[in-house]
PDB file of all heavy atoms in Angstrom:
ATOM      1  N   THR A   1     -17.502   9.591  -7.812  1.00  0.00           N
ATOM      2  CA  THR A   1     -18.173  10.109  -8.986  1.00  0.00           C
ATOM      3  C   THR A   1     -17.755   9.361 -10.250  1.00  0.00           C
ATOM      4  O   THR A   1     -16.687   8.754 -10.291  1.00  0.00           O
ATOM      5  CB  THR A   1     -17.860  11.612  -9.147  1.00  0.00           C
ATOM      6  OG1 THR A   1     -18.416  12.080 -10.367  1.00  0.00           O
ATOM      7  CG2 THR A   1     -16.378  11.881  -9.176  1.00  0.00           C
ATOM      8  N   SER A   2     -18.567   9.419 -11.261  1.00  0.00           N
ATOM      9  CA  SER A   2     -18.214   8.776 -12.523  1.00  0.00           C
ATOM     10  C   SER A   2     -17.064   9.498 -13.211  1.00  0.00           C
ATOM     11  O   SER A   2     -16.457   8.969 -14.133  1.00  0.00           O
ATOM     12  CB  SER A   2     -19.427   8.729 -13.448  1.00  0.00           C
ATOM     13  OG  SER A   2     -19.881  10.040 -13.730  1.00  0.00           O
ATOM     14  N   ARG A   3     -16.705  10.685 -12.743  1.00  0.00           N
ATOM     15  CA  ARG A   3     -15.601  11.443 -13.345  1.00  0.00           C
ATOM     16  C   ARG A   3     -14.243  10.803 -13.065  1.00  0.00           C
ATOM     17  O   ARG A   3     -13.260  11.142 -13.705  1.00  0.00           O
ATOM     18  CB  ARG A   3     -15.608  12.878 -12.840  1.00  0.00           C
ATOM     19  CG  ARG A   3     -16.795  13.678 -13.357  1.00  0.00           C
ATOM     20  CD  ARG A   3     -16.885  15.034 -12.693  1.00  0.00           C
ATOM     21  NE  ARG A   3     -15.625  15.717 -12.663  1.00  0.00           N
ATOM     22  CZ  ARG A   3     -15.357  16.850 -13.282  1.00  0.00           C
ATOM     23  NH1 ARG A   3     -16.290  17.429 -14.011  1.00  0.00           N
ATOM     24  NH2 ARG A   3     -14.182  17.425 -13.170  1.00  0.00           N
ATOM     25  N   VAL A   4     -14.162   9.910 -12.098  1.00  0.00           N
ATOM     26  CA  VAL A   4     -12.895   9.234 -11.809  1.00  0.00           C
ATOM     27  C   VAL A   4     -12.901   7.795 -12.317  1.00  0.00           C
ATOM     28  O   VAL A   4     -12.049   7.007 -11.971  1.00  0.00           O
ATOM     29  CB  VAL A   4     -12.548   9.259 -10.300  1.00  0.00           C
ATOM     30  CG1 VAL A   4     -12.323  10.670  -9.836  1.00  0.00           C
ATOM     31  CG2 VAL A   4     -13.625   8.559  -9.498  1.00  0.00           C
ATOM     32  N   ARG A   5     -13.871   7.481 -13.109  1.00  0.00           N
ATOM     33  CA  ARG A   5     -13.956   6.137 -13.663  1.00  0.00           C
ATOM     34  C   ARG A   5     -13.422   6.145 -15.082  1.00  0.00           C
ATOM     35  O   ARG A   5     -13.431   7.178 -15.722  1.00  0.00           O
ATOM     36  CB  ARG A   5     -15.402   5.656 -13.619  1.00  0.00           C
ATOM     37  CG  ARG A   5     -15.876   5.536 -12.185  1.00  0.00           C
ATOM     38  CD  ARG A   5     -17.221   4.853 -12.116  1.00  0.00           C
ATOM     39  NE  ARG A   5     -17.803   4.939 -10.822  1.00  0.00           N
ATOM     40  CZ  ARG A   5     -17.510   4.155  -9.803  1.00  0.00           C
ATOM     41  NH1 ARG A   5     -16.622   3.218  -9.930  1.00  0.00           N
ATOM     42  NH2 ARG A   5     -18.093   4.300  -8.637  1.00  0.00           N
ATOM     43  N   PRO A   6     -12.974   5.062 -15.596  1.00  0.00           N
ATOM     44  CA  PRO A   6     -13.021   3.749 -14.968  1.00  0.00           C
ATOM     45  C   PRO A   6     -11.872   3.583 -13.968  1.00  0.00           C
ATOM     46  O   PRO A   6     -10.771   4.060 -14.189  1.00  0.00           O
ATOM     47  CB  PRO A   6     -12.855   2.782 -16.145  1.00  0.00           C
ATOM     48  CG  PRO A   6     -12.026   3.562 -17.128  1.00  0.00           C
ATOM     49  CD  PRO A   6     -12.449   5.004 -16.959  1.00  0.00           C
ATOM     50  N   TRP A   7     -12.178   2.934 -12.864  1.00  0.00           N
ATOM     51  CA  TRP A   7     -11.153   2.605 -11.884  1.00  0.00           C
ATOM     52  C   TRP A   7     -10.184   1.625 -12.525  1.00  0.00           C
ATOM     53  O   TRP A   7     -10.588   0.780 -13.313  1.00  0.00           O
ATOM     54  CB  TRP A   7     -11.782   1.939 -10.652  1.00  0.00           C
ATOM     55  CG  TRP A   7     -12.677   2.839  -9.885  1.00  0.00           C
ATOM     56  CD1 TRP A   7     -14.030   2.925 -10.009  1.00  0.00           C
ATOM     57  CD2 TRP A   7     -12.312   3.761  -8.877  1.00  0.00           C
ATOM     58  NE1 TRP A   7     -14.529   3.843  -9.143  1.00  0.00           N
ATOM     59  CE2 TRP A   7     -13.488   4.384  -8.425  1.00  0.00           C
ATOM     60  CE3 TRP A   7     -11.108   4.137  -8.296  1.00  0.00           C
ATOM     61  CZ2 TRP A   7     -13.504   5.344  -7.426  1.00  0.00           C
ATOM     62  CZ3 TRP A   7     -11.122   5.093  -7.303  1.00  0.00           C
ATOM     63  CH2 TRP A   7     -12.297   5.690  -6.879  1.00  0.00           C
ATOM     64  N   ASN A   8      -8.929   1.731 -12.187  1.00  0.00           N
ATOM     65  CA  ASN A   8      -7.941   0.819 -12.741  1.00  0.00           C
ATOM     66  C   ASN A   8      -7.313   0.011 -11.612  1.00  0.00           C
ATOM     67  O   ASN A   8      -6.495   0.530 -10.856  1.00  0.00           O
ATOM     68  CB  ASN A   8      -6.869   1.586 -13.512  1.00  0.00           C
ATOM     69  CG  ASN A   8      -5.847   0.656 -14.142  1.00  0.00           C
ATOM     70  OD1 ASN A   8      -5.891  -0.559 -13.967  1.00  0.00           O
ATOM     71  ND2 ASN A   8      -4.923   1.228 -14.874  1.00  0.00           N
ATOM     72  N   TYR A   9      -7.709  -1.222 -11.509  1.00  0.00           N
ATOM     73  CA  TYR A   9      -7.178  -2.114 -10.488  1.00  0.00           C
ATOM     74  C   TYR A   9      -6.185  -3.111 -11.091  1.00  0.00           C
ATOM     75  O   TYR A   9      -5.873  -4.129 -10.483  1.00  0.00           O
ATOM     76  CB  TYR A   9      -8.310  -2.905  -9.819  1.00  0.00           C
ATOM     77  CG  TYR A   9      -9.251  -2.042  -9.019  1.00  0.00           C
ATOM     78  CD1 TYR A   9     -10.540  -1.769  -9.464  1.00  0.00           C
ATOM     79  CD2 TYR A   9      -8.855  -1.507  -7.802  1.00  0.00           C
ATOM     80  CE1 TYR A   9     -11.408  -0.992  -8.734  1.00  0.00           C
ATOM     81  CE2 TYR A   9      -9.722  -0.722  -7.062  1.00  0.00           C
ATOM     82  CZ  TYR A   9     -10.984  -0.468  -7.531  1.00  0.00           C
ATOM     83  OH  TYR A   9     -11.833   0.305  -6.803  1.00  0.00           O
ATOM     84  N   ALA A  10      -5.691  -2.829 -12.288  1.00  0.00           N
ATOM     85  CA  ALA A  10      -4.852  -3.781 -13.017  1.00  0.00           C
ATOM     86  C   ALA A  10      -3.744  -4.406 -12.166  1.00  0.00           C
ATOM     87  O   ALA A  10      -3.561  -5.619 -12.207  1.00  0.00           O
ATOM     88  CB  ALA A  10      -4.276  -3.126 -14.263  1.00  0.00           C
ATOM     89  N   PRO A  11      -2.997  -3.619 -11.376  1.00  0.00           N
ATOM     90  CA  PRO A  11      -1.919  -4.258 -10.610  1.00  0.00           C
ATOM     91  C   PRO A  11      -2.428  -5.210  -9.523  1.00  0.00           C
ATOM     92  O   PRO A  11      -1.663  -6.010  -9.006  1.00  0.00           O
ATOM     93  CB  PRO A  11      -1.175  -3.092  -9.970  1.00  0.00           C
ATOM     94  CG  PRO A  11      -1.652  -1.868 -10.657  1.00  0.00           C
ATOM     95  CD  PRO A  11      -3.003  -2.172 -11.222  1.00  0.00           C
ATOM     96  N   TYR A  12      -3.712  -5.111  -9.175  1.00  0.00           N
ATOM     97  CA  TYR A  12      -4.239  -5.885  -8.049  1.00  0.00           C
ATOM     98  C   TYR A  12      -5.394  -6.803  -8.431  1.00  0.00           C
ATOM     99  O   TYR A  12      -6.092  -7.289  -7.557  1.00  0.00           O
ATOM    100  CB  TYR A  12      -4.684  -4.936  -6.932  1.00  0.00           C
ATOM    101  CG  TYR A  12      -3.597  -3.975  -6.549  1.00  0.00           C
ATOM    102  CD1 TYR A  12      -3.646  -2.657  -6.963  1.00  0.00           C
ATOM    103  CD2 TYR A  12      -2.512  -4.394  -5.799  1.00  0.00           C
ATOM    104  CE1 TYR A  12      -2.629  -1.770  -6.631  1.00  0.00           C
ATOM    105  CE2 TYR A  12      -1.493  -3.523  -5.481  1.00  0.00           C
ATOM    106  CZ  TYR A  12      -1.563  -2.216  -5.887  1.00  0.00           C
ATOM    107  OH  TYR A  12      -0.553  -1.353  -5.563  1.00  0.00           O
ATOM    108  N   GLU A  13      -5.597  -7.025  -9.711  1.00  0.00           N
ATOM    109  CA  GLU A  13      -6.712  -7.875 -10.120  1.00  0.00           C
ATOM    110  C   GLU A  13      -6.606  -9.259  -9.479  1.00  0.00           C
ATOM    111  O   GLU A  13      -5.533  -9.837  -9.403  1.00  0.00           O
ATOM    112  CB  GLU A  13      -6.757  -7.997 -11.643  1.00  0.00           C
ATOM    113  CG  GLU A  13      -7.249  -6.728 -12.305  1.00  0.00           C
ATOM    114  CD  GLU A  13      -7.298  -6.835 -13.814  1.00  0.00           C
ATOM    115  OE1 GLU A  13      -7.011  -7.912 -14.364  1.00  0.00           O
ATOM    116  OE2 GLU A  13      -7.615  -5.823 -14.450  1.00  0.00           O
ATOM    117  N   ASN A  14      -7.725  -9.738  -8.987  1.00  0.00           N
ATOM    118  CA  ASN A  14      -7.839 -11.051  -8.364  1.00  0.00           C
ATOM    119  C   ASN A  14      -6.991 -11.211  -7.104  1.00  0.00           C
ATOM    120  O   ASN A  14      -6.579 -12.310  -6.765  1.00  0.00           O
ATOM    121  CB  ASN A  14      -7.499 -12.164  -9.373  1.00  0.00           C
ATOM    122  CG  ASN A  14      -8.434 -12.147 -10.549  1.00  0.00           C
ATOM    123  OD1 ASN A  14      -9.644 -12.007 -10.375  1.00  0.00           O
ATOM    124  ND2 ASN A  14      -7.894 -12.242 -11.740  1.00  0.00           N
ATOM    125  N   GLN A  15      -6.727 -10.114  -6.437  1.00  0.00           N
ATOM    126  CA  GLN A  15      -6.009 -10.169  -5.166  1.00  0.00           C
ATOM    127  C   GLN A  15      -6.353  -8.932  -4.344  1.00  0.00           C
ATOM    128  O   GLN A  15      -6.858  -7.956  -4.859  1.00  0.00           O
ATOM    129  CB  GLN A  15      -4.504 -10.260  -5.389  1.00  0.00           C
ATOM    130  CG  GLN A  15      -3.919  -9.061  -6.121  1.00  0.00           C
ATOM    131  CD  GLN A  15      -2.426  -9.192  -6.344  1.00  0.00           C
ATOM    132  OE1 GLN A  15      -1.712  -9.722  -5.510  1.00  0.00           O
ATOM    133  NE2 GLN A  15      -1.947  -8.720  -7.480  1.00  0.00           N
ATOM    134  N   TYR A  16      -6.081  -8.980  -3.069  1.00  0.00           N
ATOM    135  CA  TYR A  16      -6.291  -7.808  -2.236  1.00  0.00           C
ATOM    136  C   TYR A  16      -5.040  -6.940  -2.279  1.00  0.00           C
ATOM    137  O   TYR A  16      -3.954  -7.407  -2.586  1.00  0.00           O
ATOM    138  CB  TYR A  16      -6.645  -8.203  -0.801  1.00  0.00           C
ATOM    139  CG  TYR A  16      -5.549  -8.944  -0.070  1.00  0.00           C
ATOM    140  CD1 TYR A  16      -4.628  -8.263   0.704  1.00  0.00           C
ATOM    141  CD2 TYR A  16      -5.441 -10.329  -0.143  1.00  0.00           C
ATOM    142  CE1 TYR A  16      -3.616  -8.927   1.369  1.00  0.00           C
ATOM    143  CE2 TYR A  16      -4.436 -11.010   0.516  1.00  0.00           C
ATOM    144  CZ  TYR A  16      -3.531 -10.301   1.273  1.00  0.00           C
ATOM    145  OH  TYR A  16      -2.538 -10.959   1.928  1.00  0.00           O
ATOM    146  N   VAL A  17      -5.195  -5.658  -1.988  1.00  0.00           N
ATOM    147  CA  VAL A  17      -4.071  -4.738  -1.976  1.00  0.00           C
ATOM    148  C   VAL A  17      -3.314  -4.938  -0.672  1.00  0.00           C
ATOM    149  O   VAL A  17      -3.884  -4.851   0.406  1.00  0.00           O
ATOM    150  CB  VAL A  17      -4.545  -3.276  -2.116  1.00  0.00           C
ATOM    151  CG1 VAL A  17      -3.365  -2.326  -2.040  1.00  0.00           C
ATOM    152  CG2 VAL A  17      -5.317  -3.089  -3.410  1.00  0.00           C
ATOM    153  N   ASN A  18      -2.042  -5.208  -0.778  1.00  0.00           N
ATOM    154  CA  ASN A  18      -1.207  -5.451   0.395  1.00  0.00           C
ATOM    155  C   ASN A  18       0.033  -4.571   0.291  1.00  0.00           C
ATOM    156  O   ASN A  18       0.864  -4.767  -0.587  1.00  0.00           O
ATOM    157  CB  ASN A  18      -0.808  -6.925   0.452  1.00  0.00           C
ATOM    158  CG  ASN A  18       0.024  -7.259   1.670  1.00  0.00           C
ATOM    159  OD1 ASN A  18       0.384  -6.385   2.449  1.00  0.00           O
ATOM    160  ND2 ASN A  18       0.343  -8.523   1.825  1.00  0.00           N
ATOM    161  N   VAL A  19       0.139  -3.594   1.178  1.00  0.00           N
ATOM    162  CA  VAL A  19       1.285  -2.683   1.158  1.00  0.00           C
ATOM    163  C   VAL A  19       2.375  -3.119   2.134  1.00  0.00           C
ATOM    164  O   VAL A  19       3.359  -2.425   2.313  1.00  0.00           O
ATOM    165  CB  VAL A  19       0.853  -1.231   1.453  1.00  0.00           C
ATOM    166  CG1 VAL A  19      -0.102  -0.722   0.383  1.00  0.00           C
ATOM    167  CG2 VAL A  19       0.241  -1.118   2.833  1.00  0.00           C
ATOM    168  N   ALA A  20       2.205  -4.270   2.769  1.00  0.00           N
ATOM    169  CA  ALA A  20       3.175  -4.735   3.764  1.00  0.00           C
ATOM    170  C   ALA A  20       4.569  -4.889   3.179  1.00  0.00           C
ATOM    171  O   ALA A  20       5.557  -4.492   3.795  1.00  0.00           O
ATOM    172  CB  ALA A  20       2.707  -6.045   4.387  1.00  0.00           C
ATOM    173  N   GLU A  21       4.679  -5.457   1.987  1.00  0.00           N
ATOM    174  CA  GLU A  21       6.000  -5.650   1.393  1.00  0.00           C
ATOM    175  C   GLU A  21       6.658  -4.324   1.050  1.00  0.00           C
ATOM    176  O   GLU A  21       7.858  -4.142   1.252  1.00  0.00           O
ATOM    177  CB  GLU A  21       5.892  -6.531   0.150  1.00  0.00           C
ATOM    178  CG  GLU A  21       5.562  -7.963   0.471  1.00  0.00           C
ATOM    179  CD  GLU A  21       5.417  -8.829  -0.779  1.00  0.00           C
ATOM    180  OE1 GLU A  21       5.862  -8.395  -1.869  1.00  0.00           O
ATOM    181  OE2 GLU A  21       4.864  -9.933  -0.649  1.00  0.00           O
ATOM    182  N   THR A  22       5.877  -3.374   0.545  1.00  0.00           N
ATOM    183  CA  THR A  22       6.410  -2.052   0.240  1.00  0.00           C
ATOM    184  C   THR A  22       6.905  -1.394   1.521  1.00  0.00           C
ATOM    185  O   THR A  22       7.976  -0.789   1.558  1.00  0.00           O
ATOM    186  CB  THR A  22       5.330  -1.177  -0.422  1.00  0.00           C
ATOM    187  OG1 THR A  22       4.847  -1.858  -1.577  1.00  0.00           O
ATOM    188  CG2 THR A  22       5.868   0.182  -0.804  1.00  0.00           C
ATOM    189  N   PHE A  23       6.111  -1.514   2.573  1.00  0.00           N
ATOM    190  CA  PHE A  23       6.496  -0.956   3.865  1.00  0.00           C
ATOM    191  C   PHE A  23       7.791  -1.596   4.356  1.00  0.00           C
ATOM    192  O   PHE A  23       8.707  -0.912   4.799  1.00  0.00           O
ATOM    193  CB  PHE A  23       5.381  -1.164   4.892  1.00  0.00           C
ATOM    194  CG  PHE A  23       5.730  -0.656   6.255  1.00  0.00           C
ATOM    195  CD1 PHE A  23       5.586   0.683   6.561  1.00  0.00           C
ATOM    196  CD2 PHE A  23       6.220  -1.514   7.219  1.00  0.00           C
ATOM    197  CE1 PHE A  23       5.918   1.155   7.819  1.00  0.00           C
ATOM    198  CE2 PHE A  23       6.560  -1.054   8.478  1.00  0.00           C
ATOM    199  CZ  PHE A  23       6.409   0.287   8.772  1.00  0.00           C
ATOM    200  N   ALA A  24       7.875  -2.907   4.280  1.00  0.00           N
ATOM    201  CA  ALA A  24       9.060  -3.623   4.769  1.00  0.00           C
ATOM    202  C   ALA A  24      10.311  -3.202   4.006  1.00  0.00           C
ATOM    203  O   ALA A  24      11.372  -3.012   4.604  1.00  0.00           O
ATOM    204  CB  ALA A  24       8.861  -5.127   4.664  1.00  0.00           C
ATOM    205  N   ARG A  25      10.201  -3.014   2.701  1.00  0.00           N
ATOM    206  CA  ARG A  25      11.361  -2.590   1.899  1.00  0.00           C
ATOM    207  C   ARG A  25      11.826  -1.195   2.296  1.00  0.00           C
ATOM    208  O   ARG A  25      13.010  -0.885   2.214  1.00  0.00           O
ATOM    209  CB  ARG A  25      11.017  -2.618   0.412  1.00  0.00           C
ATOM    210  CG  ARG A  25      11.047  -3.997  -0.196  1.00  0.00           C
ATOM    211  CD  ARG A  25      10.994  -3.934  -1.727  1.00  0.00           C
ATOM    212  NE  ARG A  25       9.864  -3.179  -2.239  1.00  0.00           N
ATOM    213  CZ  ARG A  25       8.672  -3.696  -2.540  1.00  0.00           C
ATOM    214  NH1 ARG A  25       8.457  -4.984  -2.367  1.00  0.00           N
ATOM    215  NH2 ARG A  25       7.708  -2.941  -3.017  1.00  0.00           N
ATOM    216  N   GLY A  26      10.906  -0.347   2.709  1.00  0.00           N
ATOM    217  CA  GLY A  26      11.264   1.027   3.049  1.00  0.00           C
ATOM    218  C   GLY A  26      11.604   1.242   4.508  1.00  0.00           C
ATOM    219  O   GLY A  26      11.971   2.339   4.914  1.00  0.00           O
ATOM    220  N   HIS A  27      11.489   0.215   5.320  1.00  0.00           N
ATOM    221  CA  HIS A  27      11.710   0.374   6.754  1.00  0.00           C
ATOM    222  C   HIS A  27      13.039  -0.276   7.143  1.00  0.00           C
ATOM    223  O   HIS A  27      13.178  -1.480   7.094  1.00  0.00           O
ATOM    224  CB  HIS A  27      10.571  -0.260   7.548  1.00  0.00           C
ATOM    225  CG  HIS A  27      10.523   0.179   8.969  1.00  0.00           C
ATOM    226  ND1 HIS A  27       9.871   1.309   9.358  1.00  0.00           N
ATOM    227  CD2 HIS A  27      11.085  -0.331  10.080  1.00  0.00           C
ATOM    228  CE1 HIS A  27      10.006   1.456  10.666  1.00  0.00           C
ATOM    229  NE2 HIS A  27      10.748   0.475  11.118  1.00  0.00           N
ATOM    230  N   ASP A  28      13.994   0.546   7.473  1.00  0.00           N
ATOM    231  CA  ASP A  28      15.265   0.016   7.950  1.00  0.00           C
ATOM    232  C   ASP A  28      15.749   0.887   9.097  1.00  0.00           C
ATOM    233  O   ASP A  28      15.066   1.815   9.522  1.00  0.00           O
ATOM    234  CB  ASP A  28      16.297  -0.060   6.825  1.00  0.00           C
ATOM    235  CG  ASP A  28      16.572   1.294   6.191  1.00  0.00           C
ATOM    236  OD1 ASP A  28      16.471   2.330   6.891  1.00  0.00           O
ATOM    237  OD2 ASP A  28      16.885   1.323   5.000  1.00  0.00           O
ATOM    238  N   ALA A  29      16.909   0.607   9.601  1.00  0.00           N
ATOM    239  CA  ALA A  29      17.424   1.315  10.775  1.00  0.00           C
ATOM    240  C   ALA A  29      17.579   2.811  10.530  1.00  0.00           C
ATOM    241  O   ALA A  29      17.606   3.586  11.480  1.00  0.00           O
ATOM    242  CB  ALA A  29      18.748   0.697  11.209  1.00  0.00           C
ATOM    243  N   LYS A  30      17.694   3.240   9.268  1.00  0.00           N
ATOM    244  CA  LYS A  30      17.863   4.658   8.953  1.00  0.00           C
ATOM    245  C   LYS A  30      16.536   5.385   8.791  1.00  0.00           C
ATOM    246  O   LYS A  30      16.494   6.590   8.687  1.00  0.00           O
ATOM    247  CB  LYS A  30      18.674   4.809   7.670  1.00  0.00           C
ATOM    248  CG  LYS A  30      20.067   4.255   7.773  1.00  0.00           C
ATOM    249  CD  LYS A  30      20.747   4.336   6.436  1.00  0.00           C
ATOM    250  CE  LYS A  30      22.041   3.547   6.482  1.00  0.00           C
ATOM    251  NZ  LYS A  30      22.586   3.331   5.160  1.00  0.00           N
ATOM    252  N   SER A  31      15.445   4.635   8.706  1.00  0.00           N
ATOM    253  CA  SER A  31      14.143   5.249   8.458  1.00  0.00           C
ATOM    254  C   SER A  31      13.489   5.676   9.772  1.00  0.00           C
ATOM    255  O   SER A  31      14.096   5.630  10.824  1.00  0.00           O
ATOM    256  CB  SER A  31      13.250   4.287   7.682  1.00  0.00           C
ATOM    257  OG  SER A  31      12.932   3.179   8.481  1.00  0.00           O
ATOM    258  N   VAL A  32      12.236   6.066   9.678  1.00  0.00           N
ATOM    259  CA  VAL A  32      11.485   6.474  10.858  1.00  0.00           C
ATOM    260  C   VAL A  32      11.644   5.411  11.933  1.00  0.00           C
ATOM    261  O   VAL A  32      11.429   4.228  11.671  1.00  0.00           O
ATOM    262  CB  VAL A  32       9.997   6.667  10.505  1.00  0.00           C
ATOM    263  CG1 VAL A  32       9.190   7.034  11.733  1.00  0.00           C
ATOM    264  CG2 VAL A  32       9.853   7.728   9.432  1.00  0.00           C
ATOM    265  N   PRO A  33      12.021   5.798  13.143  1.00  0.00           N
ATOM    266  CA  PRO A  33      12.348   4.801  14.153  1.00  0.00           C
ATOM    267  C   PRO A  33      11.155   4.044  14.732  1.00  0.00           C
ATOM    268  O   PRO A  33      11.336   3.047  15.396  1.00  0.00           O
ATOM    269  CB  PRO A  33      13.045   5.612  15.239  1.00  0.00           C
ATOM    270  CG  PRO A  33      12.548   7.001  15.049  1.00  0.00           C
ATOM    271  CD  PRO A  33      12.260   7.154  13.584  1.00  0.00           C
ATOM    272  N   ALA A  34       9.956   4.502  14.483  1.00  0.00           N
ATOM    273  CA  ALA A  34       8.800   3.827  15.064  1.00  0.00           C
ATOM    274  C   ALA A  34       7.590   3.981  14.153  1.00  0.00           C
ATOM    275  O   ALA A  34       7.475   4.947  13.409  1.00  0.00           O
ATOM    276  CB  ALA A  34       8.489   4.394  16.437  1.00  0.00           C
ATOM    277  N   CYS A  35       6.690   3.013  14.234  1.00  0.00           N
ATOM    278  CA  CYS A  35       5.475   3.046  13.421  1.00  0.00           C
ATOM    279  C   CYS A  35       4.350   2.388  14.209  1.00  0.00           C
ATOM    280  O   CYS A  35       4.529   1.305  14.767  1.00  0.00           O
ATOM    281  CB  CYS A  35       5.698   2.315  12.111  1.00  0.00           C
ATOM    282  SG  CYS A  35       4.232   2.285  11.058  1.00  0.00           S
ATOM    283  N   LEU A  36       3.209   3.049  14.248  1.00  0.00           N
ATOM    284  CA  LEU A  36       2.005   2.495  14.862  1.00  0.00           C
ATOM    285  C   LEU A  36       1.082   2.040  13.745  1.00  0.00           C
ATOM    286  O   LEU A  36       0.681   2.835  12.898  1.00  0.00           O
ATOM    287  CB  LEU A  36       1.302   3.540  15.731  1.00  0.00           C
ATOM    288  CG  LEU A  36      -0.056   3.156  16.292  1.00  0.00           C
ATOM    289  CD1 LEU A  36       0.054   1.978  17.255  1.00  0.00           C
ATOM    290  CD2 LEU A  36      -0.709   4.340  16.983  1.00  0.00           C
ATOM    291  N   CYS A  37       0.764   0.762  13.729  1.00  0.00           N
ATOM    292  CA  CYS A  37      -0.135   0.195  12.722  1.00  0.00           C
ATOM    293  C   CYS A  37      -1.493  -0.022  13.377  1.00  0.00           C
ATOM    294  O   CYS A  37      -1.643  -0.882  14.235  1.00  0.00           O
ATOM    295  CB  CYS A  37       0.431  -1.129  12.211  1.00  0.00           C
ATOM    296  SG  CYS A  37      -0.676  -2.009  11.103  1.00  0.00           S
ATOM    297  N   GLY A  38      -2.458   0.782  13.000  1.00  0.00           N
ATOM    298  CA  GLY A  38      -3.804   0.645  13.545  1.00  0.00           C
ATOM    299  C   GLY A  38      -4.726   0.071  12.504  1.00  0.00           C
ATOM    300  O   GLY A  38      -4.773   0.550  11.375  1.00  0.00           O
ATOM    301  N   GLN A  39      -5.451  -0.971  12.856  1.00  0.00           N
ATOM    302  CA  GLN A  39      -6.361  -1.573  11.897  1.00  0.00           C
ATOM    303  C   GLN A  39      -7.435  -2.372  12.615  1.00  0.00           C
ATOM    304  O   GLN A  39      -7.393  -2.564  13.809  1.00  0.00           O
ATOM    305  CB  GLN A  39      -5.605  -2.453  10.903  1.00  0.00           C
ATOM    306  CG  GLN A  39      -4.981  -3.690  11.526  1.00  0.00           C
ATOM    307  CD  GLN A  39      -4.128  -4.449  10.529  1.00  0.00           C
ATOM    308  OE1 GLN A  39      -3.175  -3.912  10.011  1.00  0.00           O
ATOM    309  NE2 GLN A  39      -4.478  -5.685  10.271  1.00  0.00           N
TER     310      GLN A  39
END
């Protein structure tokens, strides 16, 4: 809806959104022991 506009893509302008690095930083031996990535 226009009620959620304007969209703000400032952190990702001219690039695709990639959460892999965020995931990698949060995944260590103390975290969830397993993860299924479906895509």
